[in-house]
Each structure stands twice: as structure tokens, then as C-alpha cells.
N, C-alpha and C. Protein backbone atom coordinates (compact mmCIF):
# COMPACT_ATOMS: atom_id res chain seq x y z
N UNK A 1 -7.26 -17.31 -12.58
CA UNK A 1 -7.95 -17.61 -11.35
C UNK A 1 -9.43 -17.34 -11.55
N UNK A 2 -10.26 -18.23 -11.11
CA UNK A 2 -11.69 -18.03 -11.28
C UNK A 2 -12.18 -16.91 -10.38
N UNK A 3 -13.32 -16.33 -10.75
CA UNK A 3 -13.89 -15.24 -9.97
C UNK A 3 -14.21 -15.71 -8.55
N UNK A 4 -14.64 -16.96 -8.40
CA UNK A 4 -14.93 -17.49 -7.07
C UNK A 4 -13.68 -17.52 -6.21
N UNK A 5 -12.56 -17.96 -6.77
CA UNK A 5 -11.32 -18.00 -6.00
C UNK A 5 -10.82 -16.60 -5.66
N UNK A 6 -11.05 -15.63 -6.55
CA UNK A 6 -10.59 -14.27 -6.29
C UNK A 6 -11.37 -13.65 -5.13
N UNK A 7 -12.60 -14.06 -4.96
CA UNK A 7 -13.36 -13.53 -3.83
C UNK A 7 -12.72 -13.95 -2.51
N UNK A 8 -12.00 -15.07 -2.53
CA UNK A 8 -11.33 -15.54 -1.34
C UNK A 8 -9.98 -14.85 -1.14
N UNK A 9 -9.49 -14.18 -2.19
CA UNK A 9 -8.20 -13.50 -2.09
C UNK A 9 -8.30 -12.35 -1.11
N UNK A 10 -7.29 -12.18 -0.36
CA UNK A 10 -7.25 -11.13 0.65
C UNK A 10 -6.31 -10.03 0.17
N UNK A 11 -6.90 -8.99 -0.40
CA UNK A 11 -6.11 -7.87 -0.88
C UNK A 11 -6.46 -6.66 -0.03
N UNK A 12 -5.46 -6.02 0.52
CA UNK A 12 -5.65 -4.84 1.34
C UNK A 12 -5.08 -3.63 0.61
N UNK A 13 -5.95 -2.70 0.29
CA UNK A 13 -5.57 -1.43 -0.32
C UNK A 13 -5.45 -0.41 0.80
N UNK A 14 -4.30 0.23 0.91
CA UNK A 14 -4.07 1.22 1.95
C UNK A 14 -3.87 2.58 1.30
N UNK A 15 -4.73 3.51 1.65
CA UNK A 15 -4.59 4.88 1.16
C UNK A 15 -3.82 5.68 2.20
N UNK A 16 -2.65 6.15 1.81
CA UNK A 16 -1.84 6.99 2.68
C UNK A 16 -2.09 8.46 2.45
N UNK A 17 -3.17 8.78 1.77
CA UNK A 17 -3.50 10.17 1.48
C UNK A 17 -4.32 10.79 2.60
N UNK A 18 -4.03 12.04 2.93
CA UNK A 18 -4.86 12.72 3.92
C UNK A 18 -6.20 13.20 3.33
N UNK A 19 -6.37 13.06 2.02
CA UNK A 19 -7.57 13.56 1.35
C UNK A 19 -8.49 12.39 0.98
N UNK A 20 -9.59 12.27 1.67
CA UNK A 20 -10.55 11.21 1.39
C UNK A 20 -11.19 11.42 0.01
N UNK A 21 -11.22 10.35 -0.78
CA UNK A 21 -11.86 10.42 -2.10
C UNK A 21 -11.05 11.15 -3.16
N UNK A 22 -9.81 11.46 -2.85
CA UNK A 22 -8.97 12.19 -3.79
C UNK A 22 -8.39 11.32 -4.89
N UNK A 23 -7.41 11.83 -5.57
CA UNK A 23 -6.80 11.15 -6.70
C UNK A 23 -6.25 9.76 -6.35
N UNK A 24 -5.59 9.65 -5.20
CA UNK A 24 -5.04 8.36 -4.78
C UNK A 24 -6.15 7.33 -4.64
N UNK A 25 -7.20 7.69 -3.93
CA UNK A 25 -8.29 6.74 -3.71
C UNK A 25 -9.04 6.44 -5.01
N UNK A 26 -9.07 7.37 -5.93
CA UNK A 26 -9.71 7.10 -7.22
C UNK A 26 -8.96 6.00 -7.96
N UNK A 27 -7.63 6.05 -7.93
CA UNK A 27 -6.84 4.99 -8.58
C UNK A 27 -6.97 3.66 -7.84
N UNK A 28 -6.97 3.70 -6.52
CA UNK A 28 -7.14 2.47 -5.76
C UNK A 28 -8.52 1.86 -6.02
N UNK A 29 -9.54 2.69 -6.17
CA UNK A 29 -10.89 2.20 -6.50
C UNK A 29 -10.90 1.52 -7.86
N UNK A 30 -10.17 2.07 -8.80
CA UNK A 30 -10.06 1.46 -10.12
C UNK A 30 -9.43 0.07 -10.01
N UNK A 31 -8.41 -0.04 -9.17
CA UNK A 31 -7.79 -1.34 -8.95
C UNK A 31 -8.76 -2.31 -8.27
N UNK A 32 -9.54 -1.80 -7.32
CA UNK A 32 -10.51 -2.64 -6.63
C UNK A 32 -11.57 -3.19 -7.58
N UNK A 33 -11.89 -2.42 -8.61
CA UNK A 33 -12.84 -2.91 -9.61
C UNK A 33 -12.26 -4.11 -10.35
N UNK A 34 -10.96 -4.08 -10.59
CA UNK A 34 -10.28 -5.17 -11.30
C UNK A 34 -9.93 -6.33 -10.37
N UNK A 35 -9.65 -6.02 -9.11
CA UNK A 35 -9.25 -7.03 -8.13
C UNK A 35 -9.85 -6.63 -6.78
N UNK A 36 -10.96 -7.23 -6.39
CA UNK A 36 -11.64 -6.84 -5.15
C UNK A 36 -10.74 -6.94 -3.93
N UNK A 37 -10.96 -6.04 -3.00
CA UNK A 37 -10.23 -6.03 -1.74
C UNK A 37 -10.77 -4.93 -0.86
N UNK A 38 -10.25 -4.85 0.34
CA UNK A 38 -10.69 -3.85 1.31
C UNK A 38 -9.81 -2.61 1.23
N UNK A 39 -10.42 -1.45 1.43
CA UNK A 39 -9.69 -0.18 1.47
C UNK A 39 -9.58 0.27 2.91
N UNK A 40 -8.37 0.62 3.30
CA UNK A 40 -8.10 1.16 4.62
C UNK A 40 -7.50 2.55 4.41
N UNK A 41 -8.07 3.54 5.06
CA UNK A 41 -7.56 4.92 4.98
C UNK A 41 -6.73 5.21 6.23
N UNK A 42 -5.46 5.44 6.05
CA UNK A 42 -4.57 5.70 7.18
C UNK A 42 -5.09 6.86 8.02
N UNK A 43 -5.67 7.86 7.38
CA UNK A 43 -6.15 9.05 8.10
C UNK A 43 -7.32 8.74 9.05
N UNK A 44 -7.97 7.61 8.86
CA UNK A 44 -9.10 7.25 9.73
C UNK A 44 -8.65 6.64 11.05
N UNK A 45 -7.35 6.47 11.23
CA UNK A 45 -6.83 5.77 12.40
C UNK A 45 -5.80 6.60 13.15
N UNK A 46 -5.68 6.31 14.43
CA UNK A 46 -4.66 6.94 15.27
C UNK A 46 -3.39 6.11 15.17
N UNK A 47 -2.40 6.65 14.47
CA UNK A 47 -1.11 5.98 14.32
C UNK A 47 -0.04 6.89 14.90
N UNK A 48 0.49 6.47 16.01
CA UNK A 48 1.56 7.25 16.64
C UNK A 48 2.87 6.99 15.90
N UNK A 49 3.80 7.92 15.94
CA UNK A 49 5.10 7.68 15.30
C UNK A 49 5.91 6.67 16.10
N UNK A 50 6.86 6.06 15.44
CA UNK A 50 7.79 5.14 16.11
C UNK A 50 8.55 5.93 17.18
N UNK A 51 8.69 5.37 18.37
CA UNK A 51 9.39 6.03 19.48
C UNK A 51 10.85 5.61 19.57
N UNK A 52 11.27 4.68 18.71
CA UNK A 52 12.62 4.15 18.74
C UNK A 52 12.97 3.60 20.12
N UNK A 53 11.99 2.95 20.73
CA UNK A 53 12.20 2.39 22.08
C UNK A 53 12.90 1.04 22.03
N UNK A 54 12.93 0.42 20.88
CA UNK A 54 13.57 -0.87 20.64
C UNK A 54 12.93 -2.04 21.41
N UNK A 55 11.77 -1.83 21.99
CA UNK A 55 11.07 -2.92 22.66
C UNK A 55 10.64 -3.98 21.65
N UNK A 56 10.46 -3.58 20.41
CA UNK A 56 10.07 -4.53 19.37
C UNK A 56 11.14 -5.60 19.14
N UNK A 57 12.38 -5.27 19.40
CA UNK A 57 13.46 -6.24 19.24
C UNK A 57 13.30 -7.42 20.17
N UNK A 58 12.80 -7.16 21.36
CA UNK A 58 12.58 -8.22 22.33
C UNK A 58 11.24 -8.93 22.12
N UNK A 59 10.22 -8.15 21.76
CA UNK A 59 8.86 -8.70 21.68
C UNK A 59 8.46 -9.16 20.28
N UNK A 60 9.22 -8.79 19.25
CA UNK A 60 8.93 -9.12 17.84
C UNK A 60 7.61 -8.52 17.35
N UNK A 61 7.20 -7.45 17.99
CA UNK A 61 6.04 -6.68 17.54
C UNK A 61 6.16 -5.30 18.18
N UNK A 62 5.40 -4.36 17.65
CA UNK A 62 5.44 -3.00 18.20
C UNK A 62 4.67 -2.98 19.51
N UNK A 63 5.23 -2.35 20.52
CA UNK A 63 4.59 -2.30 21.83
C UNK A 63 3.81 -1.01 22.06
N UNK A 64 3.83 -0.10 21.09
CA UNK A 64 3.04 1.12 21.18
C UNK A 64 1.58 0.75 20.90
N UNK A 65 0.71 0.98 21.85
CA UNK A 65 -0.69 0.60 21.70
C UNK A 65 -1.48 1.74 21.03
N UNK A 66 -1.97 1.46 19.85
CA UNK A 66 -2.82 2.40 19.13
C UNK A 66 -3.54 1.63 18.03
N UNK A 67 -4.16 2.35 17.10
CA UNK A 67 -4.89 1.69 16.02
C UNK A 67 -3.98 0.89 15.10
N UNK A 68 -2.73 1.28 15.01
CA UNK A 68 -1.81 0.52 14.17
C UNK A 68 -1.65 -0.90 14.70
N UNK A 69 -1.33 -1.04 15.98
CA UNK A 69 -1.10 -2.38 16.53
C UNK A 69 -2.40 -3.16 16.70
N UNK A 70 -3.49 -2.48 16.96
CA UNK A 70 -4.75 -3.17 17.23
C UNK A 70 -5.56 -3.50 15.98
N UNK A 71 -5.46 -2.66 14.93
CA UNK A 71 -6.32 -2.82 13.76
C UNK A 71 -5.53 -3.01 12.47
N UNK A 72 -4.63 -2.09 12.19
CA UNK A 72 -3.97 -2.06 10.88
C UNK A 72 -3.00 -3.22 10.69
N UNK A 73 -2.08 -3.41 11.61
CA UNK A 73 -1.09 -4.47 11.42
C UNK A 73 -1.74 -5.85 11.36
N UNK A 74 -2.73 -6.16 12.18
CA UNK A 74 -3.40 -7.46 12.02
C UNK A 74 -4.01 -7.64 10.63
N UNK A 75 -4.53 -6.58 10.05
CA UNK A 75 -5.08 -6.67 8.69
C UNK A 75 -3.97 -6.86 7.66
N UNK A 76 -2.84 -6.22 7.86
CA UNK A 76 -1.71 -6.41 6.95
C UNK A 76 -1.20 -7.85 7.05
N UNK A 77 -1.13 -8.38 8.25
CA UNK A 77 -0.64 -9.75 8.43
C UNK A 77 -1.59 -10.77 7.81
N UNK A 78 -2.88 -10.48 7.79
CA UNK A 78 -3.88 -11.41 7.24
C UNK A 78 -3.97 -11.35 5.72
N UNK A 79 -3.52 -10.27 5.12
CA UNK A 79 -3.65 -10.08 3.67
C UNK A 79 -2.65 -10.92 2.89
N UNK A 80 -3.08 -11.34 1.70
CA UNK A 80 -2.15 -12.00 0.76
C UNK A 80 -1.38 -10.95 -0.02
N UNK A 81 -2.03 -9.82 -0.28
CA UNK A 81 -1.42 -8.74 -1.06
C UNK A 81 -1.75 -7.40 -0.41
N UNK A 82 -0.79 -6.50 -0.47
CA UNK A 82 -0.95 -5.16 0.09
C UNK A 82 -0.55 -4.15 -0.98
N UNK A 83 -1.46 -3.21 -1.25
CA UNK A 83 -1.19 -2.14 -2.20
C UNK A 83 -1.26 -0.83 -1.41
N UNK A 84 -0.18 -0.10 -1.39
CA UNK A 84 -0.18 1.21 -0.74
C UNK A 84 -0.21 2.27 -1.81
N UNK A 85 -1.16 3.17 -1.67
CA UNK A 85 -1.28 4.32 -2.56
C UNK A 85 -1.13 5.59 -1.76
N UNK A 86 -0.46 6.57 -2.34
CA UNK A 86 -0.30 7.84 -1.63
C UNK A 86 0.05 8.95 -2.61
N UNK A 87 -0.17 10.19 -2.19
CA UNK A 87 0.31 11.31 -3.00
C UNK A 87 1.81 11.49 -2.79
N UNK A 88 2.40 12.29 -3.63
CA UNK A 88 3.82 12.62 -3.51
C UNK A 88 3.94 13.94 -2.76
N UNK A 89 4.65 13.93 -1.64
CA UNK A 89 4.90 15.14 -0.86
C UNK A 89 6.41 15.34 -0.80
N UNK A 90 6.89 16.45 -1.25
CA UNK A 90 8.31 16.77 -1.22
C UNK A 90 9.15 15.60 -1.74
N UNK A 91 8.76 15.09 -2.91
CA UNK A 91 9.47 14.01 -3.59
C UNK A 91 9.52 12.71 -2.79
N UNK A 92 8.52 12.46 -1.95
CA UNK A 92 8.51 11.26 -1.14
C UNK A 92 7.08 10.94 -0.73
N UNK A 93 6.93 9.94 0.14
CA UNK A 93 5.62 9.60 0.66
C UNK A 93 5.24 10.60 1.74
N UNK A 94 3.95 10.84 1.97
CA UNK A 94 3.54 11.77 3.03
C UNK A 94 3.78 11.18 4.42
N UNK A 95 3.74 12.02 5.43
CA UNK A 95 4.05 11.59 6.80
C UNK A 95 3.12 10.48 7.28
N UNK A 96 1.86 10.49 6.87
CA UNK A 96 0.93 9.44 7.29
C UNK A 96 1.41 8.07 6.82
N UNK A 97 1.85 8.01 5.58
CA UNK A 97 2.35 6.76 5.01
C UNK A 97 3.66 6.36 5.67
N UNK A 98 4.52 7.31 5.90
CA UNK A 98 5.82 7.03 6.52
C UNK A 98 5.65 6.51 7.94
N UNK A 99 4.69 7.06 8.69
CA UNK A 99 4.44 6.57 10.05
C UNK A 99 4.03 5.11 10.02
N UNK A 100 3.18 4.75 9.08
CA UNK A 100 2.76 3.35 8.93
C UNK A 100 3.97 2.47 8.62
N UNK A 101 4.78 2.89 7.68
CA UNK A 101 5.97 2.13 7.29
C UNK A 101 6.89 1.93 8.50
N UNK A 102 7.18 3.01 9.20
CA UNK A 102 8.12 2.93 10.33
C UNK A 102 7.63 1.99 11.42
N UNK A 103 6.35 1.97 11.66
CA UNK A 103 5.80 1.15 12.73
C UNK A 103 5.85 -0.35 12.43
N UNK A 104 6.10 -0.74 11.19
CA UNK A 104 6.18 -2.17 10.86
C UNK A 104 7.53 -2.79 11.24
N UNK A 105 8.48 -1.99 11.67
CA UNK A 105 9.83 -2.49 11.94
C UNK A 105 9.81 -3.69 12.91
N UNK A 106 8.99 -3.66 13.90
CA UNK A 106 8.93 -4.73 14.88
C UNK A 106 8.38 -6.04 14.36
N UNK A 107 7.86 -6.02 13.15
CA UNK A 107 7.25 -7.21 12.55
C UNK A 107 8.13 -7.81 11.45
N UNK A 108 9.43 -7.51 11.50
CA UNK A 108 10.34 -8.04 10.50
C UNK A 108 10.18 -9.55 10.37
N UNK A 109 10.03 -10.00 9.14
CA UNK A 109 9.85 -11.40 8.87
C UNK A 109 8.39 -11.83 8.77
N UNK A 110 7.49 -11.02 9.28
CA UNK A 110 6.07 -11.37 9.29
C UNK A 110 5.36 -11.08 7.97
N UNK A 111 5.93 -10.24 7.14
CA UNK A 111 5.31 -9.89 5.86
C UNK A 111 5.99 -10.59 4.68
N UNK A 112 6.94 -11.45 4.97
CA UNK A 112 7.69 -12.16 3.93
C UNK A 112 6.75 -12.87 2.96
N UNK A 113 7.04 -12.69 1.67
CA UNK A 113 6.33 -13.31 0.55
C UNK A 113 4.89 -12.84 0.36
N UNK A 114 4.51 -11.77 1.03
CA UNK A 114 3.23 -11.14 0.68
C UNK A 114 3.47 -10.33 -0.59
N UNK A 115 2.46 -10.24 -1.42
CA UNK A 115 2.58 -9.51 -2.68
C UNK A 115 2.36 -8.03 -2.39
N UNK A 116 3.14 -7.18 -3.06
CA UNK A 116 3.10 -5.75 -2.78
C UNK A 116 2.98 -4.93 -4.06
N UNK A 117 2.19 -3.87 -3.97
CA UNK A 117 2.05 -2.94 -5.08
C UNK A 117 2.11 -1.51 -4.59
N UNK A 118 2.58 -0.62 -5.46
CA UNK A 118 2.74 0.79 -5.11
C UNK A 118 2.03 1.67 -6.13
N UNK A 119 1.29 2.66 -5.62
CA UNK A 119 0.57 3.62 -6.46
C UNK A 119 0.84 5.01 -5.89
N UNK A 120 1.35 5.91 -6.72
CA UNK A 120 1.58 7.28 -6.25
C UNK A 120 0.98 8.28 -7.24
N UNK A 121 0.58 9.41 -6.69
CA UNK A 121 0.00 10.48 -7.50
C UNK A 121 0.74 11.77 -7.18
N UNK A 122 1.21 12.45 -8.21
CA UNK A 122 1.90 13.70 -7.98
C UNK A 122 2.01 14.51 -9.25
N UNK A 123 2.81 15.54 -9.17
CA UNK A 123 3.04 16.36 -10.35
C UNK A 123 4.06 15.66 -11.23
N UNK A 124 4.85 16.40 -11.93
CA UNK A 124 5.79 15.79 -12.88
C UNK A 124 7.12 15.41 -12.25
N UNK A 125 7.25 15.56 -10.96
CA UNK A 125 8.52 15.25 -10.30
C UNK A 125 8.23 14.56 -8.96
N UNK A 126 9.16 13.74 -8.52
CA UNK A 126 9.05 13.12 -7.21
C UNK A 126 8.36 11.77 -7.17
N UNK A 127 7.64 11.41 -8.22
CA UNK A 127 6.90 10.15 -8.21
C UNK A 127 7.84 8.95 -8.08
N UNK A 128 8.94 8.97 -8.81
CA UNK A 128 9.86 7.83 -8.76
C UNK A 128 10.47 7.69 -7.37
N UNK A 129 10.75 8.78 -6.70
CA UNK A 129 11.31 8.70 -5.35
C UNK A 129 10.29 8.12 -4.37
N UNK A 130 9.03 8.49 -4.53
CA UNK A 130 7.98 7.94 -3.66
C UNK A 130 7.78 6.45 -3.93
N UNK A 131 7.77 6.05 -5.20
CA UNK A 131 7.69 4.63 -5.55
C UNK A 131 8.88 3.89 -4.95
N UNK A 132 10.06 4.48 -5.07
CA UNK A 132 11.27 3.85 -4.53
C UNK A 132 11.16 3.67 -3.02
N UNK A 133 10.59 4.64 -2.31
CA UNK A 133 10.42 4.52 -0.86
C UNK A 133 9.49 3.36 -0.52
N UNK A 134 8.39 3.22 -1.27
CA UNK A 134 7.47 2.11 -1.03
C UNK A 134 8.12 0.77 -1.36
N UNK A 135 8.83 0.72 -2.47
CA UNK A 135 9.50 -0.52 -2.84
C UNK A 135 10.60 -0.89 -1.84
N UNK A 136 11.32 0.09 -1.33
CA UNK A 136 12.35 -0.18 -0.31
C UNK A 136 11.71 -0.78 0.93
N UNK A 137 10.56 -0.25 1.32
CA UNK A 137 9.80 -0.79 2.46
C UNK A 137 9.43 -2.26 2.20
N UNK A 138 8.87 -2.52 1.02
CA UNK A 138 8.47 -3.88 0.68
C UNK A 138 9.66 -4.83 0.68
N UNK A 139 10.75 -4.40 0.08
CA UNK A 139 11.92 -5.26 -0.01
C UNK A 139 12.56 -5.50 1.35
N UNK A 140 12.51 -4.51 2.23
CA UNK A 140 13.04 -4.67 3.60
C UNK A 140 12.31 -5.80 4.32
N UNK A 141 11.02 -5.97 3.97
CA UNK A 141 10.20 -7.03 4.58
C UNK A 141 10.18 -8.32 3.74
N UNK A 142 11.03 -8.39 2.71
CA UNK A 142 11.08 -9.57 1.83
C UNK A 142 9.73 -9.88 1.18
N UNK A 143 9.03 -8.82 0.82
CA UNK A 143 7.77 -8.97 0.12
C UNK A 143 8.04 -9.12 -1.37
N UNK A 144 7.06 -9.56 -2.11
CA UNK A 144 7.18 -9.75 -3.56
C UNK A 144 6.59 -8.52 -4.24
N UNK A 145 7.45 -7.70 -4.82
CA UNK A 145 7.00 -6.49 -5.50
C UNK A 145 6.42 -6.89 -6.85
N UNK A 146 5.14 -6.54 -7.06
CA UNK A 146 4.41 -7.02 -8.24
C UNK A 146 4.92 -6.43 -9.55
N UNK A 147 5.23 -5.16 -9.57
CA UNK A 147 5.79 -4.54 -10.76
C UNK A 147 6.44 -3.22 -10.38
N UNK A 148 6.75 -2.40 -11.37
CA UNK A 148 7.50 -1.16 -11.11
C UNK A 148 6.68 -0.10 -10.39
N UNK A 149 5.36 -0.28 -10.28
CA UNK A 149 4.51 0.68 -9.60
C UNK A 149 3.76 1.56 -10.57
N UNK A 150 2.79 2.26 -10.04
CA UNK A 150 1.93 3.14 -10.84
C UNK A 150 2.19 4.58 -10.43
N UNK A 151 2.53 5.40 -11.40
CA UNK A 151 2.74 6.84 -11.18
C UNK A 151 1.67 7.59 -11.97
N UNK A 152 0.87 8.37 -11.28
CA UNK A 152 -0.18 9.14 -11.94
C UNK A 152 0.08 10.63 -11.79
N UNK A 153 -0.37 11.38 -12.79
CA UNK A 153 -0.25 12.83 -12.74
C UNK A 153 -1.52 13.41 -12.15
N UNK A 154 -1.34 14.20 -11.12
CA UNK A 154 -2.49 14.85 -10.51
C UNK A 154 -2.05 15.81 -9.43
N UNK A 155 -2.81 16.86 -9.29
CA UNK A 155 -2.58 17.83 -8.23
C UNK A 155 -3.91 18.22 -7.61
N UNK A 156 -4.83 18.68 -8.45
CA UNK A 156 -6.16 19.06 -7.98
C UNK A 156 -7.07 17.84 -7.96
N UNK A 157 -8.09 17.89 -7.12
CA UNK A 157 -9.05 16.80 -7.00
C UNK A 157 -9.58 16.41 -8.38
N UNK A 158 -9.50 15.14 -8.69
CA UNK A 158 -10.06 14.61 -9.93
C UNK A 158 -9.12 14.64 -11.12
N UNK A 159 -7.91 15.14 -10.96
CA UNK A 159 -6.97 15.20 -12.09
C UNK A 159 -6.68 13.84 -12.70
N UNK A 160 -6.67 12.78 -11.88
CA UNK A 160 -6.31 11.46 -12.41
C UNK A 160 -7.35 10.91 -13.38
N UNK A 161 -8.52 11.49 -13.40
CA UNK A 161 -9.57 11.04 -14.32
C UNK A 161 -9.07 11.11 -15.76
N UNK A 162 -8.23 12.10 -16.05
CA UNK A 162 -7.72 12.30 -17.40
C UNK A 162 -6.42 11.57 -17.70
N UNK A 163 -5.88 10.86 -16.73
CA UNK A 163 -4.60 10.17 -16.92
C UNK A 163 -4.84 8.73 -17.37
N UNK A 164 -5.06 8.56 -18.66
CA UNK A 164 -5.35 7.23 -19.21
C UNK A 164 -4.21 6.25 -18.99
N UNK A 165 -2.99 6.73 -19.05
CA UNK A 165 -1.83 5.86 -18.85
C UNK A 165 -1.82 5.29 -17.42
N UNK A 166 -2.16 6.12 -16.46
CA UNK A 166 -2.22 5.66 -15.06
C UNK A 166 -3.36 4.66 -14.87
N UNK A 167 -4.48 4.87 -15.55
CA UNK A 167 -5.60 3.92 -15.46
C UNK A 167 -5.16 2.55 -15.97
N UNK A 168 -4.51 2.54 -17.13
CA UNK A 168 -4.03 1.29 -17.71
C UNK A 168 -3.02 0.63 -16.78
N UNK A 169 -2.12 1.41 -16.21
CA UNK A 169 -1.10 0.87 -15.31
C UNK A 169 -1.73 0.32 -14.03
N UNK A 170 -2.75 0.99 -13.49
CA UNK A 170 -3.41 0.54 -12.27
C UNK A 170 -4.12 -0.80 -12.49
N UNK A 171 -4.82 -0.91 -13.59
CA UNK A 171 -5.49 -2.18 -13.91
C UNK A 171 -4.45 -3.26 -14.18
N UNK A 172 -3.36 -2.89 -14.84
CA UNK A 172 -2.27 -3.84 -15.08
C UNK A 172 -1.65 -4.34 -13.78
N UNK A 173 -1.49 -3.45 -12.81
CA UNK A 173 -0.95 -3.85 -11.51
C UNK A 173 -1.92 -4.81 -10.82
N UNK A 174 -3.21 -4.51 -10.88
CA UNK A 174 -4.21 -5.41 -10.28
C UNK A 174 -4.15 -6.80 -10.91
N UNK A 175 -4.04 -6.84 -12.23
CA UNK A 175 -3.96 -8.13 -12.93
C UNK A 175 -2.68 -8.88 -12.57
N UNK A 176 -1.59 -8.16 -12.42
CA UNK A 176 -0.32 -8.79 -12.05
C UNK A 176 -0.41 -9.37 -10.64
N UNK A 177 -1.02 -8.64 -9.72
CA UNK A 177 -1.20 -9.13 -8.36
C UNK A 177 -2.07 -10.38 -8.38
N UNK A 178 -3.13 -10.35 -9.16
CA UNK A 178 -4.00 -11.51 -9.28
C UNK A 178 -3.22 -12.73 -9.79
N UNK A 179 -2.38 -12.53 -10.79
CA UNK A 179 -1.57 -13.64 -11.34
C UNK A 179 -0.60 -14.17 -10.29
N UNK A 180 0.01 -13.29 -9.51
CA UNK A 180 0.94 -13.72 -8.47
C UNK A 180 0.22 -14.49 -7.36
N UNK A 181 -0.97 -14.03 -6.99
CA UNK A 181 -1.75 -14.76 -5.99
C UNK A 181 -2.03 -16.17 -6.48
N UNK A 182 -2.45 -16.27 -7.73
CA UNK A 182 -2.74 -17.57 -8.32
C UNK A 182 -1.50 -18.46 -8.32
N UNK A 183 -0.37 -17.90 -8.72
CA UNK A 183 0.87 -18.65 -8.79
C UNK A 183 1.30 -19.14 -7.39
N UNK A 184 1.19 -18.28 -6.40
CA UNK A 184 1.62 -18.66 -5.04
C UNK A 184 0.69 -19.68 -4.40
N UNK A 185 -0.54 -19.71 -4.85
CA UNK A 185 -1.50 -20.67 -4.29
C UNK A 185 -1.29 -22.08 -4.85
N UNK A 186 -0.56 -22.21 -5.94
CA UNK A 186 -0.36 -23.54 -6.55
C UNK A 186 0.57 -24.41 -5.74
């Protein structure tokens, strides 16, 4: 895909980390260098938890009014590709990321065939479970999972700087998403 066409690509990077500028965002920034897109920080928005009111079943969208319904979900619906990055908390995604995932239930069918990528940062355990949670979310929405996901080692701020394998995997994920965008546009 030419650089001009990639500028038209709509890639949304979502940081589910509560730490601005931390390891997760450092990896997402690396991906943005390879494949431009917008970064959205979940922590910058008011996202209420799902109330299990089931109103979404009738309305086909979430009826809880907050930043998720007004800002985040419209951006997700407009994107061609969505990459969610987050740290690993208790062998899973953090609560901020889970709240975002849960609130998409009312939009079943609306994210079909969007390209999806997963990036997680953690210690030596739990990364696969967090990747699996993100992939399960993507598959529930019939999204196209770009690859197996990126798992980086990190705990303290800046640890991912030394994880060359994660850097290679992040750039590889960006290139794979770019190839899928090109393929779907044909």
C-alpha cells in the first residue's frame, strides 16, 4: 500500500493502561511509527461499567450515556483497524480495558470484519491469558484478528525499551494490519 493510501487508513490504537506514557503506550507508539493512527487513552474518558440493563438488546446500542457512547464507540465504528494495548493485571486485562470490552455488547455485528490487534505488557506470566481475553472479544464481534498478538516483558516504567523481541513483534503486527487493510480494500 502506498504511503498516500495509508494516510487514509483509519487505525485506532486504544491504550487500556492507567499509566500514561508507560510501557503499553511505548509499544503502541512504536506501532504508530510503522502504521499511523490515532491513540485513545481509556483513562482519559468516563466509562461507566455495564449495568446489565439489557436495553441494548432492543436499541442495538448501549443506552448508558457517557464518554464511551458519545466518543469512544463512534471512533471504534469509524476505524478500519483497532489495536488494544494494556498491561497484564492478575493474569488478565485491567478493569479499564474490561469496562470498554463489556460496553461493546450492544453493538454486536457493528464491528464485523474490522481488523484487530492485541498488545500486552506484563511480567513472565499472565500475558497469554490477557491476549486470549482480547482475542475472545475480537472474535465475539467477528473481527479479523491480525496475528497471535504482542507480549512484552515489563513491570517498571521503561522496561519495554530493552525488549527487542516485543519491538520486532509490534512492528510486525503493524505491517500485518497494513497488509490486511490493503487486501480488504481490493
